[in-house]
PDB file of N, CA and C in Angstrom:
ATOM      1  N   MET A   1       0.603  -1.213   0.194  1.00  0.00           N
ATOM      2  CA  MET A   1       0.046   0.291  -0.011  1.00  0.00           C
ATOM      3  C   MET A   1       0.991   1.343   0.149  1.00  0.00           C
ATOM      4  N   ALA A   2       0.505   2.407  -0.683  1.00  0.00           N
ATOM      5  CA  ALA A   2       1.173   3.549  -0.813  1.00  0.00           C
ATOM      6  C   ALA A   2       0.734   4.447  -0.091  1.00  0.00           C
ATOM      7  N   LYS A   3       1.338   5.234   0.402  1.00  0.00           N
ATOM      8  CA  LYS A   3       1.067   6.589   1.198  1.00  0.00           C
ATOM      9  C   LYS A   3       0.859   7.941   0.371  1.00  0.00           C
ATOM     10  N   VAL A   4      -0.337   8.803   0.051  1.00  0.00           N
ATOM     11  CA  VAL A   4      -0.073  10.032  -0.477  1.00  0.00           C
ATOM     12  C   VAL A   4      -0.613  11.093   0.206  1.00  0.00           C
ATOM     13  N   ASN A   5      -0.319  12.282  -0.402  1.00  0.00           N
ATOM     14  CA  ASN A   5      -0.873  13.374   0.120  1.00  0.00           C
ATOM     15  C   ASN A   5      -2.157  14.023  -0.158  1.00  0.00           C
ATOM     16  N   LEU A   6      -3.486  13.702   0.327  1.00  0.00           N
ATOM     17  CA  LEU A   6      -4.729  14.426   0.107  1.00  0.00           C
ATOM     18  C   LEU A   6      -5.396  15.264   0.313  1.00  0.00           C
ATOM     19  N   GLY A   7      -5.495  16.518   0.218  1.00  0.00           N
ATOM     20  CA  GLY A   7      -6.098  17.789   0.582  1.00  0.00           C
ATOM     21  C   GLY A   7      -5.163  18.006   2.084  1.00  0.00           C
ATOM     22  N   GLY A   8      -3.779  17.668   1.719  1.00  0.00           N
ATOM     23  CA  GLY A   8      -2.855  18.211   3.149  1.00  0.00           C
ATOM     24  C   GLY A   8      -2.655  16.963   4.180  1.00  0.00           C
ATOM     25  N   TYR A   9      -3.403  15.674   3.695  1.00  0.00           N
ATOM     26  CA  TYR A   9      -3.422  14.755   5.088  1.00  0.00           C
ATOM     27  C   TYR A   9      -2.530  13.477   4.066  1.00  0.00           C
ATOM     28  N   GLU A  10      -1.782  12.588   4.880  1.00  0.00           N
ATOM     29  CA  GLU A  10      -1.297  11.741   4.482  1.00  0.00           C
ATOM     30  C   GLU A  10      -2.062  10.176   4.428  1.00  0.00           C
ATOM     31  N   VAL A  11      -2.405   9.780   3.455  1.00  0.00           N
ATOM     32  CA  VAL A  11      -3.297   8.407   3.736  1.00  0.00           C
ATOM     33  C   VAL A  11      -3.055   7.508   2.765  1.00  0.00           C
ATOM     34  N   GLU A  12      -3.227   6.171   3.067  1.00  0.00           N
ATOM     35  CA  GLU A  12      -2.711   5.121   2.541  1.00  0.00           C
ATOM     36  C   GLU A  12      -4.244   4.825   1.765  1.00  0.00           C
ATOM     37  N   VAL A  13      -3.404   4.214   0.769  1.00  0.00           N
ATOM     38  CA  VAL A  13      -4.268   4.104  -0.665  1.00  0.00           C
ATOM     39  C   VAL A  13      -4.029   2.534  -1.157  1.00  0.00           C
ATOM     40  N   ASP A  14      -5.003   1.830  -1.717  1.00  0.00           N
ATOM     41  CA  ASP A  14      -4.716   1.006  -2.615  1.00  0.00           C
ATOM     42  C   ASP A  14      -4.211   1.429  -4.000  1.00  0.00           C
ATOM     43  N   GLU A  15      -4.031   0.146  -4.864  1.00  0.00           N
ATOM     44  CA  GLU A  15      -3.184   0.570  -6.141  1.00  0.00           C
ATOM     45  C   GLU A  15      -4.184   1.513  -7.089  1.00  0.00           C
ATOM     46  N   ASP A  16      -5.284   1.234  -7.155  1.00  0.00           N
ATOM     47  CA  ASP A  16      -6.287   1.950  -7.527  1.00  0.00           C
ATOM     48  C   ASP A  16      -6.943   3.243  -7.048  1.00  0.00           C
ATOM     49  N   GLY A  17      -6.040   3.625  -5.972  1.00  0.00           N
ATOM     50  CA  GLY A  17      -6.200   4.902  -4.943  1.00  0.00           C
ATOM     51  C   GLY A  17      -7.254   5.187  -4.109  1.00  0.00           C
ATOM     52  N   PHE A  18      -7.964   3.808  -3.776  1.00  0.00           N
ATOM     53  CA  PHE A  18      -9.065   3.995  -2.767  1.00  0.00           C
ATOM     54  C   PHE A  18      -8.298   4.035  -1.321  1.00  0.00           C
ATOM     55  N   ILE A  19      -8.735   4.625  -0.447  1.00  0.00           N
ATOM     56  CA  ILE A  19      -8.557   4.981   0.942  1.00  0.00           C
ATOM     57  C   ILE A  19      -8.407   3.673   1.728  1.00  0.00           C
ATOM     58  N   GLN A  20      -7.521   3.325   2.198  1.00  0.00           N
ATOM     59  CA  GLN A  20      -7.833   1.845   3.291  1.00  0.00           C
ATOM     60  C   GLN A  20      -8.554   2.299   4.535  1.00  0.00           C
ATOM     61  N   ASP A  21      -8.513   3.181   4.772  1.00  0.00           N
ATOM     62  CA  ASP A  21      -9.183   3.135   6.069  1.00  0.00           C
ATOM     63  C   ASP A  21     -10.229   4.296   6.384  1.00  0.00           C
ATOM     64  N   PRO A  22     -11.464   4.121   5.908  1.00  0.00           N
ATOM     65  CA  PRO A  22     -12.440   5.144   6.051  1.00  0.00           C
ATOM     66  C   PRO A  22     -12.504   6.087   7.057  1.00  0.00           C
ATOM     67  N   ASN A  23     -12.289   5.919   8.138  1.00  0.00           N
ATOM     68  CA  ASN A  23     -12.077   6.527   9.328  1.00  0.00           C
ATOM     69  C   ASN A  23     -11.407   7.750   8.926  1.00  0.00           C
ATOM     70  N   VAL A  24     -10.435   8.099   7.997  1.00  0.00           N
ATOM     71  CA  VAL A  24      -9.469   9.038   8.117  1.00  0.00           C
ATOM     72  C   VAL A  24     -10.095  10.163   6.880  1.00  0.00           C
ATOM     73  N   TRP A  25     -11.079   9.698   6.325  1.00  0.00           N
ATOM     74  CA  TRP A  25     -11.666  10.357   5.322  1.00  0.00           C
ATOM     75  C   TRP A  25     -12.069  11.756   5.969  1.00  0.00           C
ATOM     76  N   ASN A  26     -12.151  13.024   5.207  1.00  0.00           N
ATOM     77  CA  ASN A  26     -12.979  14.022   5.545  1.00  0.00           C
ATOM     78  C   ASN A  26     -13.126  14.801   3.936  1.00  0.00           C
ATOM     79  N   GLU A  27     -13.765  16.104   4.181  1.00  0.00           N
ATOM     80  CA  GLU A  27     -14.288  16.740   3.091  1.00  0.00           C
ATOM     81  C   GLU A  27     -12.984  17.134   1.942  1.00  0.00           C
ATOM     82  N   LYS A  28     -11.801  17.768   2.799  1.00  0.00           N
ATOM     83  CA  LYS A  28     -10.409  17.746   2.222  1.00  0.00           C
ATOM     84  C   LYS A  28     -10.221  17.076   1.388  1.00  0.00           C
ATOM     85  N   ILE A  29     -10.354  15.685   2.095  1.00  0.00           N
ATOM     86  CA  ILE A  29      -9.660  14.413   1.140  1.00  0.00           C
ATOM     87  C   ILE A  29     -10.561  14.081   0.126  1.00  0.00           C
ATOM     88  N   ALA A  30     -11.587  13.998   0.317  1.00  0.00           N
ATOM     89  CA  ALA A  30     -12.864  13.883  -0.709  1.00  0.00           C
ATOM     90  C   ALA A  30     -12.597  14.789  -2.079  1.00  0.00           C
ATOM     91  N   GLU A  31     -12.301  16.232  -1.678  1.00  0.00           N
ATOM     92  CA  GLU A  31     -12.248  16.978  -2.797  1.00  0.00           C
ATOM     93  C   GLU A  31     -10.936  16.536  -3.572  1.00  0.00           C
ATOM     94  N   ALA A  32      -9.696  16.314  -2.984  1.00  0.00           N
ATOM     95  CA  ALA A  32      -8.398  15.660  -3.760  1.00  0.00           C
ATOM     96  C   ALA A  32      -9.043  14.500  -4.558  1.00  0.00           C
ATOM     97  N   LEU A  33      -9.703  13.787  -3.552  1.00  0.00           N
ATOM     98  CA  LEU A  33      -9.844  12.666  -4.436  1.00  0.00           C
ATOM     99  C   LEU A  33     -11.080  12.713  -5.564  1.00  0.00           C
ATOM    100  N   ALA A  34     -11.859  13.903  -5.400  1.00  0.00           N
ATOM    101  CA  ALA A  34     -12.271  14.232  -7.346  1.00  0.00           C
ATOM    102  C   ALA A  34     -11.698  14.634  -7.885  1.00  0.00           C
ATOM    103  N   ALA A  35     -10.862  15.397  -7.543  1.00  0.00           N
ATOM    104  CA  ALA A  35      -9.800  15.790  -8.627  1.00  0.00           C
ATOM    105  C   ALA A  35      -9.171  14.903  -9.515  1.00  0.00           C
ATOM    106  N   THR A  36      -8.665  13.541  -8.808  1.00  0.00           N
ATOM    107  CA  THR A  36      -8.274  12.316  -9.195  1.00  0.00           C
ATOM    108  C   THR A  36      -9.391  11.605 -10.537  1.00  0.00           C
ATOM    109  N   GLU A  37     -10.658  12.226 -10.315  1.00  0.00           N
ATOM    110  CA  GLU A  37     -11.536  11.286 -11.027  1.00  0.00           C
ATOM    111  C   GLU A  37     -12.417  12.246 -11.873  1.00  0.00           C
ATOM    112  N   ASP A  38     -11.636  13.525 -12.513  1.00  0.00           N
ATOM    113  CA  ASP A  38     -12.555  14.182 -13.620  1.00  0.00           C
ATOM    114  C   ASP A  38     -13.762  14.884 -12.784  1.00  0.00           C
ATOM    115  N   VAL A  39     -13.701  15.024 -11.433  1.00  0.00           N
ATOM    116  CA  VAL A  39     -14.852  15.631 -10.904  1.00  0.00           C
ATOM    117  C   VAL A  39     -13.904  17.219 -10.477  1.00  0.00           C
ATOM    118  N   PRO A  40     -14.080  18.300 -11.227  1.00  0.00           N
ATOM    119  CA  PRO A  40     -12.969  19.457 -11.018  1.00  0.00           C
ATOM    120  C   PRO A  40     -13.936  20.088  -9.727  1.00  0.00           C
ATOM    121  N   LYS A  41     -15.218  20.268  -9.322  1.00  0.00           N
ATOM    122  CA  LYS A  41     -15.744  20.995  -8.041  1.00  0.00           C
ATOM    123  C   LYS A  41     -16.883  20.109  -7.873  1.00  0.00           C
ATOM    124  N   MET A  42     -16.677  19.778  -6.352  1.00  0.00           N
ATOM    125  CA  MET A  42     -18.014  19.300  -5.670  1.00  0.00           C
ATOM    126  C   MET A  42     -18.821  20.252  -5.662  1.00  0.00           C
ATOM    127  N   THR A  43     -20.195  19.517  -6.166  1.00  0.00           N
ATOM    128  CA  THR A  43     -21.394  20.179  -6.199  1.00  0.00           C
ATOM    129  C   THR A  43     -22.030  20.109  -5.020  1.00  0.00           C
ATOM    130  N   GLU A  44     -23.364  20.576  -4.545  1.00  0.00           N
ATOM    131  CA  GLU A  44     -24.434  19.589  -3.550  1.00  0.00           C
ATOM    132  C   GLU A  44     -24.482  18.546  -3.964  1.00  0.00           C
ATOM    133  N   GLU A  45     -24.643  18.269  -5.512  1.00  0.00           N
ATOM    134  CA  GLU A  45     -25.483  17.284  -5.727  1.00  0.00           C
ATOM    135  C   GLU A  45     -24.541  16.278  -5.196  1.00  0.00           C
ATOM    136  N   HIS A  46     -23.398  16.336  -5.846  1.00  0.00           N
ATOM    137  CA  HIS A  46     -22.019  15.556  -5.466  1.00  0.00           C
ATOM    138  C   HIS A  46     -22.285  14.872  -4.020  1.00  0.00           C
ATOM    139  N   TRP A  47     -22.082  15.972  -2.970  1.00  0.00           N
ATOM    140  CA  TRP A  47     -22.168  15.602  -1.786  1.00  0.00           C
ATOM    141  C   TRP A  47     -23.110  15.136  -1.439  1.00  0.00           C
ATOM    142  N   LYS A  48     -24.423  15.221  -1.904  1.00  0.00           N
ATOM    143  CA  LYS A  48     -25.486  14.522  -1.668  1.00  0.00           C
ATOM    144  C   LYS A  48     -24.944  13.066  -1.763  1.00  0.00           C
ATOM    145  N   VAL A  49     -24.717  12.450  -2.889  1.00  0.00           N
ATOM    146  CA  VAL A  49     -24.597  11.233  -3.148  1.00  0.00           C
ATOM    147  C   VAL A  49     -23.330  10.867  -2.147  1.00  0.00           C
ATOM    148  N   VAL A  50     -22.259  11.540  -2.229  1.00  0.00           N
ATOM    149  CA  VAL A  50     -21.361  10.875  -1.329  1.00  0.00           C
ATOM    150  C   VAL A  50     -21.495  10.844  -0.001  1.00  0.00           C
ATOM    151  N   ARG A  51     -22.269  11.578   0.339  1.00  0.00           N
ATOM    152  CA  ARG A  51     -22.856  11.546   2.149  1.00  0.00           C
ATOM    153  C   ARG A  51     -23.883  10.069   2.392  1.00  0.00           C
ATOM    154  N   TYR A  52     -24.505  10.017   1.108  1.00  0.00           N
ATOM    155  CA  TYR A  52     -25.648   8.899   1.034  1.00  0.00           C
ATOM    156  C   TYR A  52     -24.422   7.521   1.344  1.00  0.00           C
ATOM    157  N   LEU A  53     -23.522   7.476   0.390  1.00  0.00           N
ATOM    158  CA  LEU A  53     -22.729   6.355   0.453  1.00  0.00           C
ATOM    159  C   LEU A  53     -21.874   6.099   1.800  1.00  0.00           C
ATOM    160  N   ARG A  54     -21.990   7.274   2.167  1.00  0.00           N
ATOM    161  CA  ARG A  54     -20.777   7.128   3.746  1.00  0.00           C
ATOM    162  C   ARG A  54     -22.072   6.590   4.659  1.00  0.00           C
ATOM    163  N   ASP A  55     -23.027   7.328   4.663  1.00  0.00           N
ATOM    164  CA  ASP A  55     -24.262   6.721   5.607  1.00  0.00           C
ATOM    165  C   ASP A  55     -24.351   5.303   5.453  1.00  0.00           C
ATOM    166  N   TYR A  56     -24.390   4.908   4.185  1.00  0.00           N
ATOM    167  CA  TYR A  56     -25.094   3.569   4.069  1.00  0.00           C
ATOM    168  C   TYR A  56     -24.232   2.610   4.459  1.00  0.00           C
ATOM    169  N   TYR A  57     -22.369   2.674   3.940  1.00  0.00           N
ATOM    170  CA  TYR A  57     -21.357   2.342   4.364  1.00  0.00           C
ATOM    171  C   TYR A  57     -21.131   2.085   5.844  1.00  0.00           C
ATOM    172  N   GLN A  58     -21.551   2.940   6.842  1.00  0.00           N
ATOM    173  CA  GLN A  58     -21.366   3.051   8.069  1.00  0.00           C
ATOM    174  C   GLN A  58     -22.363   2.302   8.400  1.00  0.00           C
ATOM    175  N   LYS A  59     -23.359   1.954   8.185  1.00  0.00           N
ATOM    176  CA  LYS A  59     -24.577   1.177   8.669  1.00  0.00           C
ATOM    177  C   LYS A  59     -24.438  -0.344   8.401  1.00  0.00           C
ATOM    178  N   TYR A  60     -24.159  -0.536   7.157  1.00  0.00           N
ATOM    179  CA  TYR A  60     -24.132  -1.976   6.447  1.00  0.00           C
ATOM    180  C   TYR A  60     -22.598  -2.611   6.212  1.00  0.00           C
ATOM    181  N   ASN A  61     -21.966  -1.701   6.372  1.00  0.00           N
ATOM    182  CA  ASN A  61     -20.216  -1.949   6.173  1.00  0.00           C
ATOM    183  C   ASN A  61     -20.317  -2.883   4.726  1.00  0.00           C
ATOM    184  N   ILE A  62     -21.156  -2.310   3.667  1.00  0.00           N
ATOM    185  CA  ILE A  62     -20.892  -2.692   2.153  1.00  0.00           C
ATOM    186  C   ILE A  62     -21.491  -1.313   1.308  1.00  0.00           C
ATOM    187  N   ALA A  63     -21.013  -0.923   0.037  1.00  0.00           N
ATOM    188  CA  ALA A  63     -21.818  -0.262  -0.539  1.00  0.00           C
ATOM    189  C   ALA A  63     -22.960  -0.576  -1.092  1.00  0.00           C
ATOM    190  N   PRO A  64     -23.782   0.347  -1.204  1.00  0.00           N
ATOM    191  CA  PRO A  64     -25.526  -0.220  -1.508  1.00  0.00           C
ATOM    192  C   PRO A  64     -25.110  -0.530  -3.422  1.00  0.00           C
ATOM    193  N   MET A  65     -26.140  -1.230  -3.678  1.00  0.00           N
ATOM    194  CA  MET A  65     -26.295  -1.637  -5.437  1.00  0.00           C
ATOM    195  C   MET A  65     -26.859   0.034  -6.203  1.00  0.00           C
ATOM    196  N   ILE A  66     -26.414  -0.205  -7.104  1.00  0.00           N
ATOM    197  CA  ILE A  66     -26.530   0.930  -7.992  1.00  0.00           C
ATOM    198  C   ILE A  66     -27.818   1.539  -8.158  1.00  0.00           C
ATOM    199  N   ARG A  67     -28.883   0.495  -7.771  1.00  0.00           N
ATOM    200  CA  ARG A  67     -30.222   0.922  -7.991  1.00  0.00           C
ATOM    201  C   ARG A  67     -30.795   1.384  -6.639  1.00  0.00           C
ATOM    202  N   LYS A  68     -30.054   1.016  -5.691  1.00  0.00           N
ATOM    203  CA  LYS A  68     -30.413   1.543  -4.314  1.00  0.00           C
ATOM    204  C   LYS A  68     -29.789   3.124  -4.013  1.00  0.00           C
ATOM    205  N   LEU A  69     -28.722   3.118  -4.674  1.00  0.00           N
ATOM    206  CA  LEU A  69     -27.881   4.423  -4.625  1.00  0.00           C
ATOM    207  C   LEU A  69     -29.107   5.503  -5.265  1.00  0.00           C
ATOM    208  N   CYS A  70     -29.219   4.779  -6.918  1.00  0.00           N
ATOM    209  CA  CYS A  70     -30.239   6.078  -7.526  1.00  0.00           C
ATOM    210  C   CYS A  70     -31.212   6.337  -6.983  1.00  0.00           C
ATOM    211  N   LYS A  71     -32.275   5.189  -6.283  1.00  0.00           N
ATOM    212  CA  LYS A  71     -33.562   5.335  -6.074  1.00  0.00           C
ATOM    213  C   LYS A  71     -33.375   6.425  -4.678  1.00  0.00           C
ATOM    214  N   ASP A  72     -32.552   6.167  -3.919  1.00  0.00           N
ATOM    215  CA  ASP A  72     -32.738   6.573  -2.607  1.00  0.00           C
ATOM    216  C   ASP A  72     -32.300   8.037  -2.531  1.00  0.00           C
ATOM    217  N   THR A  73     -31.023   8.578  -3.385  1.00  0.00           N
ATOM    218  CA  THR A  73     -30.751   9.794  -3.627  1.00  0.00           C
ATOM    219  C   THR A  73     -31.379  10.916  -5.029  1.00  0.00           C
ATOM    220  N   GLN A  74     -32.270   9.734  -5.076  1.00  0.00           N
ATOM    221  CA  GLN A  74     -33.109  10.366  -6.574  1.00  0.00           C
ATOM    222  C   GLN A  74     -32.218  11.087  -7.635  1.00  0.00           C
ATOM    223  N   VAL A  75     -30.808  10.353  -7.928  1.00  0.00           N
ATOM    224  CA  VAL A  75     -30.208  10.937  -9.104  1.00  0.00           C
ATOM    225  C   VAL A  75     -30.337   9.759 -10.177  1.00  0.00           C
ATOM    226  N   ASP A  76     -30.891  10.102 -10.995  1.00  0.00           N
ATOM    227  CA  ASP A  76     -30.883   8.654 -12.185  1.00  0.00           C
ATOM    228  C   ASP A  76     -29.579   8.385 -12.607  1.00  0.00           C
ATOM    229  N   LEU A  77     -29.864   7.091 -13.270  1.00  0.00           N
ATOM    230  CA  LEU A  77     -28.033   6.702 -13.458  1.00  0.00           C
ATOM    231  C   LEU A  77     -27.221   7.141 -14.638  1.00  0.00           C
ATOM    232  N   LYS A  78     -28.173   7.872 -15.659  1.00  0.00           N
ATOM    233  CA  LYS A  78     -27.264   8.724 -16.653  1.00  0.00           C
ATOM    234  C   LYS A  78     -26.535   9.942 -15.741  1.00  0.00           C
ATOM    235  N   HIS A  79     -27.409  10.878 -15.224  1.00  0.00           N
ATOM    236  CA  HIS A  79     -27.027  11.578 -14.482  1.00  0.00           C
ATOM    237  C   HIS A  79     -26.037  11.656 -13.560  1.00  0.00           C
ATOM    238  N   MET A  80     -25.933   9.933 -12.694  1.00  0.00           N
ATOM    239  CA  MET A  80     -24.937   9.419 -11.802  1.00  0.00           C
ATOM    240  C   MET A  80     -23.410   9.368 -12.499  1.00  0.00           C
ATOM    241  N   TYR A  81     -23.549   9.327 -14.217  1.00  0.00           N
ATOM    242  CA  TYR A  81     -22.445   9.026 -14.440  1.00  0.00           C
ATOM    243  C   TYR A  81     -21.793  10.354 -15.310  1.00  0.00           C
ATOM    244  N   GLU A  82     -22.751  11.457 -15.055  1.00  0.00           N
ATOM    245  CA  GLU A  82     -22.344  12.615 -15.371  1.00  0.00           C
ATOM    246  C   GLU A  82     -21.756  13.371 -14.087  1.00  0.00           C
ATOM    247  N   LEU A  83     -22.240  13.087 -13.181  1.00  0.00           N
ATOM    248  CA  LEU A  83     -21.371  13.932 -12.087  1.00  0.00           C
ATOM    249  C   LEU A  83     -20.132  13.059 -11.868  1.00  0.00           C
ATOM    250  N   PHE A  84     -20.035  11.655 -11.924  1.00  0.00           N
ATOM    251  CA  PHE A  84     -19.116  11.054 -11.400  1.00  0.00           C
ATOM    252  C   PHE A  84     -18.788  10.242 -12.858  1.00  0.00           C
ATOM    253  N   PRO A  85     -18.175  10.769 -13.799  1.00  0.00           N
ATOM    254  CA  PRO A  85     -17.596  10.247 -14.904  1.00  0.00           C
ATOM    255  C   PRO A  85     -17.088   8.776 -14.934  1.00  0.00           C
ATOM    256  N   SER A  86     -16.167   8.320 -13.902  1.00  0.00           N
ATOM    257  CA  SER A  86     -15.514   7.051 -13.837  1.00  0.00           C
ATOM    258  C   SER A  86     -16.723   6.051 -13.269  1.00  0.00           C
ATOM    259  N   GLY A  87     -17.834   6.148 -12.713  1.00  0.00           N
ATOM    260  CA  GLY A  87     -18.938   5.653 -12.344  1.00  0.00           C
ATOM    261  C   GLY A  87     -19.397   5.486 -10.971  1.00  0.00           C
ATOM    262  N   PRO A  88     -20.259   4.871 -10.048  1.00  0.00           N
ATOM    263  CA  PRO A  88     -20.663   4.985  -8.689  1.00  0.00           C
ATOM    264  C   PRO A  88     -19.498   4.360  -8.390  1.00  0.00           C
ATOM    265  N   ALA A  89     -19.351   3.154  -8.940  1.00  0.00           N
ATOM    266  CA  ALA A  89     -18.083   2.346  -7.888  1.00  0.00           C
ATOM    267  C   ALA A  89     -16.834   2.751  -7.911  1.00  0.00           C
ATOM    268  N   LYS A  90     -16.692   3.395  -9.003  1.00  0.00           N
ATOM    269  CA  LYS A  90     -15.111   3.589  -9.166  1.00  0.00           C
ATOM    270  C   LYS A  90     -15.029   5.113  -8.431  1.00  0.00           C
ATOM    271  N   GLY A  91     -15.584   5.831  -9.237  1.00  0.00           N
ATOM    272  CA  GLY A  91     -15.601   7.403  -8.928  1.00  0.00           C
ATOM    273  C   GLY A  91     -16.030   7.871  -7.611  1.00  0.00           C
ATOM    274  N   ALA A  92     -17.453   7.601  -7.249  1.00  0.00           N
ATOM    275  CA  ALA A  92     -18.422   7.852  -5.995  1.00  0.00           C
ATOM    276  C   ALA A  92     -17.782   7.271  -4.836  1.00  0.00           C
ATOM    277  N   CYS A  93     -17.647   6.303  -5.078  1.00  0.00           N
ATOM    278  CA  CYS A  93     -17.393   5.424  -3.755  1.00  0.00           C
ATOM    279  C   CYS A  93     -15.663   5.273  -3.276  1.00  0.00           C
ATOM    280  N   LYS A  94     -14.902   6.072  -4.396  1.00  0.00           N
ATOM    281  CA  LYS A  94     -13.703   6.415  -3.803  1.00  0.00           C
ATOM    282  C   LYS A  94     -13.633   7.648  -3.505  1.00  0.00           C
ATOM    283  N   ILE A  95     -14.476   8.917  -3.602  1.00  0.00           N
ATOM    284  CA  ILE A  95     -14.240   9.931  -3.447  1.00  0.00           C
ATOM    285  C   ILE A  95     -14.989  10.082  -1.771  1.00  0.00           C
ATOM    286  N   ALA A  96     -16.090   9.078  -1.622  1.00  0.00           N
ATOM    287  CA  ALA A  96     -16.574   8.742  -0.620  1.00  0.00           C
ATOM    288  C   ALA A  96     -15.655   7.968   1.080  1.00  0.00           C
ATOM    289  N   GLY A  97     -14.687   7.732   0.097  1.00  0.00           N
ATOM    290  CA  GLY A  97     -13.594   7.259   1.168  1.00  0.00           C
ATOM    291  C   GLY A  97     -13.782   5.797   1.735  1.00  0.00           C
ATOM    292  N   LEU A  98     -14.344   5.445   0.607  1.00  0.00           N
ATOM    293  CA  LEU A  98     -15.081   3.852   0.995  1.00  0.00           C
ATOM    294  C   LEU A  98     -13.838   2.705   0.447  1.00  0.00           C
ATOM    295  N   PRO A  99     -13.826   1.621   0.842  1.00  0.00           N
ATOM    296  CA  PRO A  99     -12.952   0.634   0.012  1.00  0.00           C
ATOM    297  C   PRO A  99     -13.540   0.426  -1.454  1.00  0.00           C
ATOM    298  N   LYS A 100     -12.770  -0.257  -2.211  1.00  0.00           N
ATOM    299  CA  LYS A 100     -12.885  -0.350  -3.546  1.00  0.00           C
ATOM    300  C   LYS A 100     -14.254  -1.331  -2.997  1.00  0.00           C
ATOM    301  N   PRO A 101     -15.270  -1.310  -3.904  1.00  0.00           N
ATOM    302  CA  PRO A 101     -16.561  -2.231  -4.108  1.00  0.00           C
ATOM    303  C   PRO A 101     -15.795  -3.418  -4.783  1.00  0.00           C
ATOM    304  N   THR A 102     -16.962  -4.782  -4.343  1.00  0.00           N
ATOM    305  CA  THR A 102     -16.124  -5.877  -4.489  1.00  0.00           C
ATOM    306  C   THR A 102     -17.273  -6.549  -5.471  1.00  0.00           C
ATOM    307  N   GLY A 103     -18.238  -5.873  -5.501  1.00  0.00           N
ATOM    308  CA  GLY A 103     -19.750  -6.257  -6.668  1.00  0.00           C
ATOM    309  C   GLY A 103     -20.161  -5.010  -7.401  1.00  0.00           C
ATOM    310  N   CYS A 104     -20.795  -5.190  -7.682  1.00  0.00           N
ATOM    311  CA  CYS A 104     -21.538  -3.888  -8.631  1.00  0.00           C
ATOM    312  C   CYS A 104     -22.541  -2.902  -7.778  1.00  0.00           C
ATOM    313  N   VAL A 105     -22.109  -1.484  -7.577  1.00  0.00           N
ATOM    314  CA  VAL A 105     -22.417  -0.749  -6.897  1.00  0.00           C
ATOM    315  C   VAL A 105     -23.408  -0.165  -7.655  1.00  0.00           C
TER     316      VAL A 105
END
């Protein structure tokens, strides 16, 4: 595992850039991760998805399925990919500080 500087914090990440400890995550780290995922500026819509992902992960210790994510955030799949060009699993989960999803998120 490598350590990188994200938003002024030294954070351990895997080979794909996913944070290894979700507890070190904060909004400055999220903004730094967003820049690596072609999200130049986090909008309130981005934050709504990221906060939902974090809350869900904290409750269930897993990322939600994509249908649930879209339904609960009221962001349709097409718009989800506009917000997170690399997708909800790679982009949104990474920005939210979650471990790399193992299934289809």
